[in-house]
Amino acid sequence: MRFLKRIGKIFGSVYVVICAVLWGIQGSFIFHPVSSNHVVRNSIVEYEVVVDESRDIKSRGYIVNQTEPGPVVLFFTGNASDAVSYIQLLDRLDVSVVLSNYRGYGKSDGRPSEKTLLADAQITLKMVRERFPDRPVVLMGSSMGSAVAIRTTDSDVAGVILISPFRSMVHIANRSVLRIFPVRFLMRHKFDTRASLESLPDQVLVMYSRTDRIIPPKETERVLEKIPQAEVVIDRVHHNAILGRSQNLHSIREWLAENFQDSD
């Protein structure tokens, strides 16, 4: 019995240490700031917006098709992408697209966190409305960016496009080996979307893959239960290949045209 108790104490101590480590370094698992070497064409507009005046922190991104009429799409990337790498893809939507970079990503200053990402998204949305007055704004997010789009949506957002959305990071972790740990209490960057799902506009497009190993399809399907108004496109490709598929870009372009074709 003493031996078993000793083993139990050792395992208990190791478990507590692992929990503490997970709590402390989780940011390095969730956020992967990158900077691409893509060459930006002269037709691409680069913008910057101050997101923290006290420390002069600026978010920097890109605008494609700035003079195109119709809706304006504000795009939020996944957790390991520089917005510049999406320029060629989103240029094919034939509408104005603002590609936002999180803090620490691309040319943006600072370090990322859930709190700063969501706060900066609100500031960027305000900038988009000032730059494109009287134009319907559609928020679009891929993977982690889908949570940012959902949480940023307000009553004046005209539509939302979600690529591989999820309920929260906790739900994703609980579908992995991390479920042996109390991730609900350990997770500091939860990106919980549940309270915002029922406030999404009538125009919602959801796209996901049945073979996604990053955001399990069952997780996206739980999200869909809360947004019955959504149009859904289902694919069978890798998580990172969903948005790159020509047929999926065509579906987004057609959805934008059908819902906002009369927008000036």
C-alpha atoms as a PDB file:
ATOM      1  CA  MET A   1       0.000   0.000   0.000  1.00  0.00           C
ATOM      2  CA  ARG A   2       2.831   2.416   0.798  1.00  0.00           C
ATOM      3  CA  PHE A   3       4.359   1.717  -2.590  1.00  0.00           C
ATOM      4  CA  LEU A   4       1.042   2.416  -4.341  1.00  0.00           C
ATOM      5  CA  LYS A   5       0.572   5.617  -2.367  1.00  0.00           C
ATOM      6  CA  ARG A   6       4.067   6.724  -3.283  1.00  0.00           C
ATOM      7  CA  ILE A   7       3.407   6.002  -6.964  1.00  0.00           C
ATOM      8  CA  GLY A   8       0.096   7.862  -6.686  1.00  0.00           C
ATOM      9  CA  LYS A   9       1.812  10.910  -5.211  1.00  0.00           C
ATOM     10  CA  ILE A  10       4.449  10.881  -7.943  1.00  0.00           C
ATOM     11  CA  PHE A  11       1.853  10.679 -10.686  1.00  0.00           C
ATOM     12  CA  GLY A  12      -0.206  13.355  -8.959  1.00  0.00           C
ATOM     13  CA  SER A  13       2.786  15.677  -8.734  1.00  0.00           C
ATOM     14  CA  VAL A  14       3.685  15.089 -12.382  1.00  0.00           C
ATOM     15  CA  TYR A  15       0.076  15.732 -13.397  1.00  0.00           C
ATOM     16  CA  VAL A  16       0.024  19.045 -11.523  1.00  0.00           C
ATOM     17  CA  VAL A  17       3.352  20.079 -13.075  1.00  0.00           C
ATOM     18  CA  ILE A  18       2.069  19.267 -16.569  1.00  0.00           C
ATOM     19  CA  CYS A  19      -1.091  21.309 -15.906  1.00  0.00           C
ATOM     20  CA  ALA A  20       1.028  24.257 -14.793  1.00  0.00           C
ATOM     21  CA  VAL A  21       3.214  23.983 -17.893  1.00  0.00           C
ATOM     22  CA  LEU A  22       0.168  23.783 -20.157  1.00  0.00           C
ATOM     23  CA  TRP A  23      -1.297  26.871 -18.529  1.00  0.00           C
ATOM     24  CA  GLY A  24       1.943  28.798 -18.939  1.00  0.00           C
ATOM     25  CA  ILE A  25       2.935  27.905 -22.505  1.00  0.00           C
ATOM     26  CA  GLN A  26      -0.446  27.445 -24.183  1.00  0.00           C
ATOM     27  CA  GLY A  27       0.029  30.614 -26.207  1.00  0.00           C
ATOM     28  CA  SER A  28       2.847  28.948 -28.141  1.00  0.00           C
ATOM     29  CA  PHE A  29       0.477  26.113 -29.066  1.00  0.00           C
ATOM     30  CA  ILE A  30      -2.409  28.350 -30.108  1.00  0.00           C
ATOM     31  CA  PHE A  31      -0.640  31.241 -31.828  1.00  0.00           C
ATOM     32  CA  HIS A  32       1.990  30.763 -34.519  1.00  0.00           C
ATOM     33  CA  PRO A  33       2.914  34.246 -35.780  1.00  0.00           C
ATOM     34  CA  VAL A  34       4.339  34.093 -39.288  1.00  0.00           C
ATOM     35  CA  SER A  35       5.577  36.515 -41.894  1.00  0.00           C
ATOM     36  CA  SER A  36       5.460  35.482 -45.547  1.00  0.00           C
ATOM     37  CA  ASN A  37       7.784  36.579 -48.329  1.00  0.00           C
ATOM     38  CA  HIS A  38       5.036  37.036 -50.886  1.00  0.00           C
ATOM     39  CA  VAL A  39       5.542  39.989 -53.216  1.00  0.00           C
ATOM     40  CA  VAL A  40       2.660  42.457 -53.015  1.00  0.00           C
ATOM     41  CA  ARG A  41       1.473  43.843 -56.342  1.00  0.00           C
ATOM     42  CA  ASN A  42       1.181  47.588 -56.893  1.00  0.00           C
ATOM     43  CA  SER A  43      -2.598  47.220 -57.123  1.00  0.00           C
ATOM     44  CA  ILE A  44      -2.740  45.953 -53.537  1.00  0.00           C
ATOM     45  CA  VAL A  45      -3.329  48.628 -50.901  1.00  0.00           C
ATOM     46  CA  GLU A  46      -1.448  48.248 -47.621  1.00  0.00           C
ATOM     47  CA  TYR A  47      -3.074  49.789 -44.572  1.00  0.00           C
ATOM     48  CA  GLU A  48      -2.217  50.296 -40.932  1.00  0.00           C
ATOM     49  CA  VAL A  49      -4.422  51.135 -37.987  1.00  0.00           C
ATOM     50  CA  VAL A  50      -3.397  52.026 -34.439  1.00  0.00           C
ATOM     51  CA  VAL A  51      -4.803  49.428 -32.053  1.00  0.00           C
ATOM     52  CA  ASP A  52      -3.017  50.543 -28.878  1.00  0.00           C
ATOM     53  CA  GLU A  53      -2.271  54.262 -28.708  1.00  0.00           C
ATOM     54  CA  SER A  54      -0.460  54.068 -25.363  1.00  0.00           C
ATOM     55  CA  ARG A  55       2.210  51.777 -26.831  1.00  0.00           C
ATOM     56  CA  ASP A  56       1.869  52.870 -30.461  1.00  0.00           C
ATOM     57  CA  ILE A  57       1.010  49.343 -31.580  1.00  0.00           C
ATOM     58  CA  LYS A  58      -0.272  49.120 -35.141  1.00  0.00           C
ATOM     59  CA  SER A  59      -2.078  46.398 -37.026  1.00  0.00           C
ATOM     60  CA  ARG A  60      -1.123  46.164 -40.694  1.00  0.00           C
ATOM     61  CA  GLY A  61      -2.927  44.407 -43.506  1.00  0.00           C
ATOM     62  CA  TYR A  62      -3.983  44.569 -47.131  1.00  0.00           C
ATOM     63  CA  ILE A  63      -6.928  45.565 -49.306  1.00  0.00           C
ATOM     64  CA  VAL A  64      -7.632  43.912 -52.646  1.00  0.00           C
ATOM     65  CA  ASN A  65     -10.110  45.141 -55.250  1.00  0.00           C
ATOM     66  CA  GLN A  66     -10.529  48.408 -53.345  1.00  0.00           C
ATOM     67  CA  THR A  67     -12.587  50.069 -56.090  1.00  0.00           C
ATOM     68  CA  GLU A  68     -14.921  47.146 -56.770  1.00  0.00           C
ATOM     69  CA  PRO A  69     -18.588  47.913 -55.991  1.00  0.00           C
ATOM     70  CA  GLY A  70     -20.734  45.745 -53.761  1.00  0.00           C
ATOM     71  CA  PRO A  71     -19.961  44.323 -50.330  1.00  0.00           C
ATOM     72  CA  VAL A  72     -16.691  44.631 -48.436  1.00  0.00           C
ATOM     73  CA  VAL A  73     -15.305  41.434 -46.916  1.00  0.00           C
ATOM     74  CA  LEU A  74     -13.191  41.709 -43.755  1.00  0.00           C
ATOM     75  CA  PHE A  75     -11.099  38.551 -43.527  1.00  0.00           C
ATOM     76  CA  PHE A  76      -9.501  36.988 -40.427  1.00  0.00           C
ATOM     77  CA  THR A  77      -6.878  34.275 -40.921  1.00  0.00           C
ATOM     78  CA  GLY A  78      -6.175  31.073 -39.038  1.00  0.00           C
ATOM     79  CA  ASN A  79      -3.637  30.774 -36.238  1.00  0.00           C
ATOM     80  CA  ALA A  80      -0.616  30.143 -38.463  1.00  0.00           C
ATOM     81  CA  SER A  81      -1.071  32.406 -41.469  1.00  0.00           C
ATOM     82  CA  ASP A  82       0.126  35.767 -42.719  1.00  0.00           C
ATOM     83  CA  ALA A  83      -2.735  37.576 -44.422  1.00  0.00           C
ATOM     84  CA  VAL A  84      -0.548  38.313 -47.441  1.00  0.00           C
ATOM     85  CA  SER A  85      -0.612  34.615 -48.382  1.00  0.00           C
ATOM     86  CA  TYR A  86      -4.374  34.887 -49.019  1.00  0.00           C
ATOM     87  CA  ILE A  87      -4.214  37.845 -51.382  1.00  0.00           C
ATOM     88  CA  GLN A  88      -4.236  35.894 -54.630  1.00  0.00           C
ATOM     89  CA  LEU A  89      -7.040  33.629 -53.441  1.00  0.00           C
ATOM     90  CA  LEU A  90      -9.371  36.323 -52.143  1.00  0.00           C
ATOM     91  CA  ASP A  91      -8.666  38.577 -55.097  1.00  0.00           C
ATOM     92  CA  ARG A  92     -10.709  36.038 -57.080  1.00  0.00           C
ATOM     93  CA  LEU A  93     -13.877  36.864 -55.137  1.00  0.00           C
ATOM     94  CA  ASP A  94     -14.257  40.002 -57.301  1.00  0.00           C
ATOM     95  CA  VAL A  95     -15.243  42.168 -54.329  1.00  0.00           C
ATOM     96  CA  SER A  96     -13.293  44.453 -52.005  1.00  0.00           C
ATOM     97  CA  VAL A  97     -11.513  42.394 -49.363  1.00  0.00           C
ATOM     98  CA  VAL A  98      -9.667  43.707 -46.309  1.00  0.00           C
ATOM     99  CA  LEU A  99      -7.161  41.149 -45.015  1.00  0.00           C
ATOM    100  CA  SER A 100      -6.337  41.702 -41.362  1.00  0.00           C
ATOM    101  CA  ASN A 101      -3.158  40.548 -39.609  1.00  0.00           C
ATOM    102  CA  TYR A 102      -3.209  39.804 -35.874  1.00  0.00           C
ATOM    103  CA  ARG A 103      -0.623  41.294 -33.523  1.00  0.00           C
ATOM    104  CA  GLY A 104       2.766  39.738 -34.199  1.00  0.00           C
ATOM    105  CA  TYR A 105       1.640  38.371 -37.560  1.00  0.00           C
ATOM    106  CA  GLY A 106       2.974  39.704 -40.842  1.00  0.00           C
ATOM    107  CA  LYS A 107       3.956  43.352 -40.375  1.00  0.00           C
ATOM    108  CA  SER A 108       1.722  43.938 -37.326  1.00  0.00           C
ATOM    109  CA  ASP A 109       3.268  44.986 -34.027  1.00  0.00           C
ATOM    110  CA  GLY A 110       2.849  43.376 -30.622  1.00  0.00           C
ATOM    111  CA  ARG A 111       2.069  39.895 -29.370  1.00  0.00           C
ATOM    112  CA  PRO A 112      -1.164  37.959 -29.931  1.00  0.00           C
ATOM    113  CA  SER A 113      -3.724  36.940 -27.326  1.00  0.00           C
ATOM    114  CA  GLU A 114      -7.445  36.290 -27.432  1.00  0.00           C
ATOM    115  CA  LYS A 115      -8.137  39.621 -25.743  1.00  0.00           C
ATOM    116  CA  THR A 116      -6.029  41.668 -28.168  1.00  0.00           C
ATOM    117  CA  LEU A 117      -7.246  39.801 -31.254  1.00  0.00           C
ATOM    118  CA  LEU A 118     -10.883  40.498 -30.444  1.00  0.00           C
ATOM    119  CA  ALA A 119     -10.244  44.116 -29.440  1.00  0.00           C
ATOM    120  CA  ASP A 120      -8.192  44.780 -32.576  1.00  0.00           C
ATOM    121  CA  ALA A 121     -10.863  43.180 -34.760  1.00  0.00           C
ATOM    122  CA  GLN A 122     -13.390  45.720 -33.494  1.00  0.00           C
ATOM    123  CA  ILE A 123     -11.009  48.577 -34.302  1.00  0.00           C
ATOM    124  CA  THR A 124     -10.344  47.168 -37.767  1.00  0.00           C
ATOM    125  CA  LEU A 125     -14.084  46.798 -38.405  1.00  0.00           C
ATOM    126  CA  LYS A 126     -14.537  50.453 -37.477  1.00  0.00           C
ATOM    127  CA  MET A 127     -11.756  51.383 -39.907  1.00  0.00           C
ATOM    128  CA  VAL A 128     -13.425  49.370 -42.688  1.00  0.00           C
ATOM    129  CA  ARG A 129     -16.734  51.155 -42.132  1.00  0.00           C
ATOM    130  CA  GLU A 130     -15.064  54.547 -42.229  1.00  0.00           C
ATOM    131  CA  ARG A 131     -13.138  53.677 -45.390  1.00  0.00           C
ATOM    132  CA  PHE A 132     -16.148  52.116 -47.127  1.00  0.00           C
ATOM    133  CA  PRO A 133     -19.204  54.039 -45.874  1.00  0.00           C
ATOM    134  CA  ASP A 134     -22.658  52.869 -46.941  1.00  0.00           C
ATOM    135  CA  ARG A 135     -21.284  49.507 -48.092  1.00  0.00           C
ATOM    136  CA  PRO A 136     -22.472  46.210 -46.559  1.00  0.00           C
ATOM    137  CA  VAL A 137     -19.695  44.554 -44.554  1.00  0.00           C
ATOM    138  CA  VAL A 138     -19.303  40.778 -44.531  1.00  0.00           C
ATOM    139  CA  LEU A 139     -17.022  39.199 -41.944  1.00  0.00           C
ATOM    140  CA  MET A 140     -15.086  36.130 -43.029  1.00  0.00           C
ATOM    141  CA  GLY A 141     -12.881  33.916 -40.892  1.00  0.00           C
ATOM    142  CA  SER A 142     -10.961  30.697 -41.376  1.00  0.00           C
ATOM    143  CA  SER A 143     -10.377  28.269 -38.496  1.00  0.00           C
ATOM    144  CA  MET A 144      -9.376  30.434 -35.494  1.00  0.00           C
ATOM    145  CA  GLY A 145     -10.397  33.419 -37.599  1.00  0.00           C
ATOM    146  CA  SER A 146     -13.947  32.083 -37.702  1.00  0.00           C
ATOM    147  CA  ALA A 147     -14.152  32.610 -33.943  1.00  0.00           C
ATOM    148  CA  VAL A 148     -12.833  36.154 -34.353  1.00  0.00           C
ATOM    149  CA  ALA A 149     -15.453  36.827 -37.037  1.00  0.00           C
ATOM    150  CA  ILE A 150     -18.267  35.420 -34.911  1.00  0.00           C
ATOM    151  CA  ARG A 151     -17.241  37.369 -31.811  1.00  0.00           C
ATOM    152  CA  THR A 152     -16.794  40.597 -33.811  1.00  0.00           C
ATOM    153  CA  THR A 153     -20.192  40.470 -35.515  1.00  0.00           C
ATOM    154  CA  ASP A 154     -22.672  43.167 -34.492  1.00  0.00           C
ATOM    155  CA  SER A 155     -26.153  44.138 -35.645  1.00  0.00           C
ATOM    156  CA  ASP A 156     -24.786  46.158 -38.566  1.00  0.00           C
ATOM    157  CA  VAL A 157     -22.759  43.328 -40.092  1.00  0.00           C
ATOM    158  CA  ALA A 158     -24.538  42.220 -43.270  1.00  0.00           C
ATOM    159  CA  GLY A 159     -23.237  38.664 -43.517  1.00  0.00           C
ATOM    160  CA  VAL A 160     -20.744  36.146 -42.194  1.00  0.00           C
ATOM    161  CA  ILE A 161     -18.626  33.508 -43.952  1.00  0.00           C
ATOM    162  CA  LEU A 162     -17.176  30.834 -41.671  1.00  0.00           C
ATOM    163  CA  ILE A 163     -14.537  28.307 -42.689  1.00  0.00           C
ATOM    164  CA  SER A 164     -14.305  25.404 -40.200  1.00  0.00           C
ATOM    165  CA  PRO A 165     -16.009  27.153 -37.267  1.00  0.00           C
ATOM    166  CA  PHE A 166     -16.036  25.665 -33.760  1.00  0.00           C
ATOM    167  CA  ARG A 167     -17.727  26.264 -30.409  1.00  0.00           C
ATOM    168  CA  SER A 168     -14.552  26.964 -28.426  1.00  0.00           C
ATOM    169  CA  MET A 169     -10.912  25.954 -28.112  1.00  0.00           C
ATOM    170  CA  VAL A 170     -11.928  23.985 -25.034  1.00  0.00           C
ATOM    171  CA  HIS A 171     -14.263  21.819 -27.109  1.00  0.00           C
ATOM    172  CA  ILE A 172     -11.503  21.188 -29.653  1.00  0.00           C
ATOM    173  CA  ALA A 173      -9.007  20.253 -26.919  1.00  0.00           C
ATOM    174  CA  ASN A 174     -11.544  17.919 -25.340  1.00  0.00           C
ATOM    175  CA  ARG A 175     -11.712  15.991 -28.603  1.00  0.00           C
ATOM    176  CA  SER A 176      -7.965  15.299 -28.368  1.00  0.00           C
ATOM    177  CA  VAL A 177      -5.570  13.631 -25.914  1.00  0.00           C
ATOM    178  CA  LEU A 178      -5.669  16.845 -23.897  1.00  0.00           C
ATOM    179  CA  ARG A 179      -9.052  15.769 -22.528  1.00  0.00           C
ATOM    180  CA  ILE A 180      -7.204  13.982 -19.693  1.00  0.00           C
ATOM    181  CA  PHE A 181      -6.451  17.464 -18.337  1.00  0.00           C
ATOM    182  CA  PRO A 182      -8.961  20.034 -16.987  1.00  0.00           C
ATOM    183  CA  VAL A 183      -8.646  22.211 -20.098  1.00  0.00           C
ATOM    184  CA  ARG A 184     -11.805  24.128 -19.233  1.00  0.00           C
ATOM    185  CA  PHE A 185      -9.927  25.681 -16.324  1.00  0.00           C
ATOM    186  CA  LEU A 186      -6.461  25.722 -17.867  1.00  0.00           C
ATOM    187  CA  MET A 187      -7.369  27.385 -21.166  1.00  0.00           C
ATOM    188  CA  ARG A 188      -6.749  31.138 -21.123  1.00  0.00           C
ATOM    189  CA  HIS A 189      -7.525  31.735 -24.816  1.00  0.00           C
ATOM    190  CA  LYS A 190     -10.886  29.999 -25.131  1.00  0.00           C
ATOM    191  CA  PHE A 191     -12.303  31.755 -28.209  1.00  0.00           C
ATOM    192  CA  ASP A 192     -15.766  30.705 -27.045  1.00  0.00           C
ATOM    193  CA  THR A 193     -18.296  31.497 -29.779  1.00  0.00           C
ATOM    194  CA  ARG A 194     -21.447  29.956 -28.288  1.00  0.00           C
ATOM    195  CA  ALA A 195     -22.985  33.098 -26.812  1.00  0.00           C
ATOM    196  CA  SER A 196     -22.623  34.929 -30.137  1.00  0.00           C
ATOM    197  CA  LEU A 197     -23.957  32.291 -32.526  1.00  0.00           C
ATOM    198  CA  GLU A 198     -27.633  33.143 -32.129  1.00  0.00           C
ATOM    199  CA  SER A 199     -26.904  36.810 -32.895  1.00  0.00           C
ATOM    200  CA  LEU A 200     -25.448  36.161 -36.333  1.00  0.00           C
ATOM    201  CA  PRO A 201     -27.243  37.777 -39.297  1.00  0.00           C
ATOM    202  CA  ASP A 202     -29.597  35.960 -41.646  1.00  0.00           C
ATOM    203  CA  GLN A 203     -26.908  35.696 -44.315  1.00  0.00           C
ATOM    204  CA  VAL A 204     -24.403  33.088 -43.151  1.00  0.00           C
ATOM    205  CA  LEU A 205     -22.257  30.733 -45.229  1.00  0.00           C
ATOM    206  CA  VAL A 206     -20.439  27.853 -43.525  1.00  0.00           C
ATOM    207  CA  MET A 207     -17.787  25.749 -45.224  1.00  0.00           C
ATOM    208  CA  TYR A 208     -16.059  22.726 -43.697  1.00  0.00           C
ATOM    209  CA  SER A 209     -14.507  19.351 -44.502  1.00  0.00           C
ATOM    210  CA  ARG A 210     -15.660  15.929 -43.362  1.00  0.00           C
ATOM    211  CA  THR A 211     -12.008  14.814 -43.291  1.00  0.00           C
ATOM    212  CA  ASP A 212     -10.702  17.759 -41.262  1.00  0.00           C
ATOM    213  CA  ARG A 213      -8.275  16.568 -38.558  1.00  0.00           C
ATOM    214  CA  ILE A 214      -7.670  20.024 -37.073  1.00  0.00           C
ATOM    215  CA  ILE A 215     -11.260  21.158 -36.487  1.00  0.00           C
ATOM    216  CA  PRO A 216     -13.271  17.913 -36.237  1.00  0.00           C
ATOM    217  CA  PRO A 217     -16.349  18.012 -38.505  1.00  0.00           C
ATOM    218  CA  LYS A 218     -18.563  17.031 -35.582  1.00  0.00           C
ATOM    219  CA  GLU A 219     -17.476  20.237 -33.865  1.00  0.00           C
ATOM    220  CA  THR A 220     -18.564  22.366 -36.825  1.00  0.00           C
ATOM    221  CA  GLU A 221     -21.827  20.433 -36.981  1.00  0.00           C
ATOM    222  CA  ARG A 222     -22.538  21.404 -33.370  1.00  0.00           C
ATOM    223  CA  VAL A 223     -22.074  25.022 -34.401  1.00  0.00           C
ATOM    224  CA  LEU A 224     -24.517  24.542 -37.280  1.00  0.00           C
ATOM    225  CA  GLU A 225     -27.192  23.433 -34.830  1.00  0.00           C
ATOM    226  CA  LYS A 226     -27.200  27.011 -33.516  1.00  0.00           C
ATOM    227  CA  ILE A 227     -27.324  28.743 -36.914  1.00  0.00           C
ATOM    228  CA  PRO A 228     -30.081  27.013 -38.915  1.00  0.00           C
ATOM    229  CA  GLN A 229     -30.169  29.919 -41.383  1.00  0.00           C
ATOM    230  CA  ALA A 230     -26.691  29.061 -42.656  1.00  0.00           C
ATOM    231  CA  GLU A 231     -26.010  27.834 -46.160  1.00  0.00           C
ATOM    232  CA  VAL A 232     -23.522  24.982 -45.955  1.00  0.00           C
ATOM    233  CA  VAL A 233     -20.776  23.776 -48.278  1.00  0.00           C
ATOM    234  CA  ILE A 234     -19.162  20.443 -47.367  1.00  0.00           C
ATOM    235  CA  ASP A 235     -15.856  19.239 -48.773  1.00  0.00           C
ATOM    236  CA  ARG A 236     -13.509  16.290 -48.191  1.00  0.00           C
ATOM    237  CA  VAL A 237     -10.054  17.865 -48.130  1.00  0.00           C
ATOM    238  CA  HIS A 238      -7.348  18.722 -45.616  1.00  0.00           C
ATOM    239  CA  HIS A 239      -8.080  21.550 -43.190  1.00  0.00           C
ATOM    240  CA  ASN A 240      -5.686  23.970 -44.883  1.00  0.00           C
ATOM    241  CA  ALA A 241      -6.921  23.145 -48.393  1.00  0.00           C
ATOM    242  CA  ILE A 242     -10.569  24.141 -47.973  1.00  0.00           C
ATOM    243  CA  LEU A 243     -10.269  27.785 -48.943  1.00  0.00           C
ATOM    244  CA  GLY A 244      -7.775  27.071 -51.699  1.00  0.00           C
ATOM    245  CA  ARG A 245     -10.178  24.934 -53.712  1.00  0.00           C
ATOM    246  CA  SER A 246     -11.469  26.692 -56.839  1.00  0.00           C
ATOM    247  CA  GLN A 247     -14.944  25.241 -56.403  1.00  0.00           C
ATOM    248  CA  ASN A 248     -15.146  26.569 -52.851  1.00  0.00           C
ATOM    249  CA  LEU A 249     -14.022  30.049 -53.906  1.00  0.00           C
ATOM    250  CA  HIS A 250     -16.660  29.883 -56.634  1.00  0.00           C
ATOM    251  CA  SER A 251     -19.305  29.013 -54.010  1.00  0.00           C
ATOM    252  CA  ILE A 252     -18.275  32.021 -51.898  1.00  0.00           C
ATOM    253  CA  ARG A 253     -18.304  34.326 -54.914  1.00  0.00           C
ATOM    254  CA  GLU A 254     -21.763  33.096 -55.942  1.00  0.00           C
ATOM    255  CA  TRP A 255     -23.089  33.462 -52.390  1.00  0.00           C
ATOM    256  CA  LEU A 256     -21.840  37.042 -52.209  1.00  0.00           C
ATOM    257  CA  ALA A 257     -23.403  37.848 -55.582  1.00  0.00           C
ATOM    258  CA  GLU A 258     -26.754  36.305 -54.679  1.00  0.00           C
ATOM    259  CA  ASN A 259     -27.026  38.101 -51.343  1.00  0.00           C
ATOM    260  CA  PHE A 260     -25.362  41.446 -52.084  1.00  0.00           C
ATOM    261  CA  GLN A 261     -25.353  41.901 -55.874  1.00  0.00           C
ATOM    262  CA  ASP A 262     -27.401  45.107 -55.691  1.00  0.00           C
ATOM    263  CA  SER A 263     -25.062  46.709 -53.142  1.00  0.00           C
ATOM    264  CA  ASP A 264     -23.277  49.888 -54.223  1.00  0.00           C
END
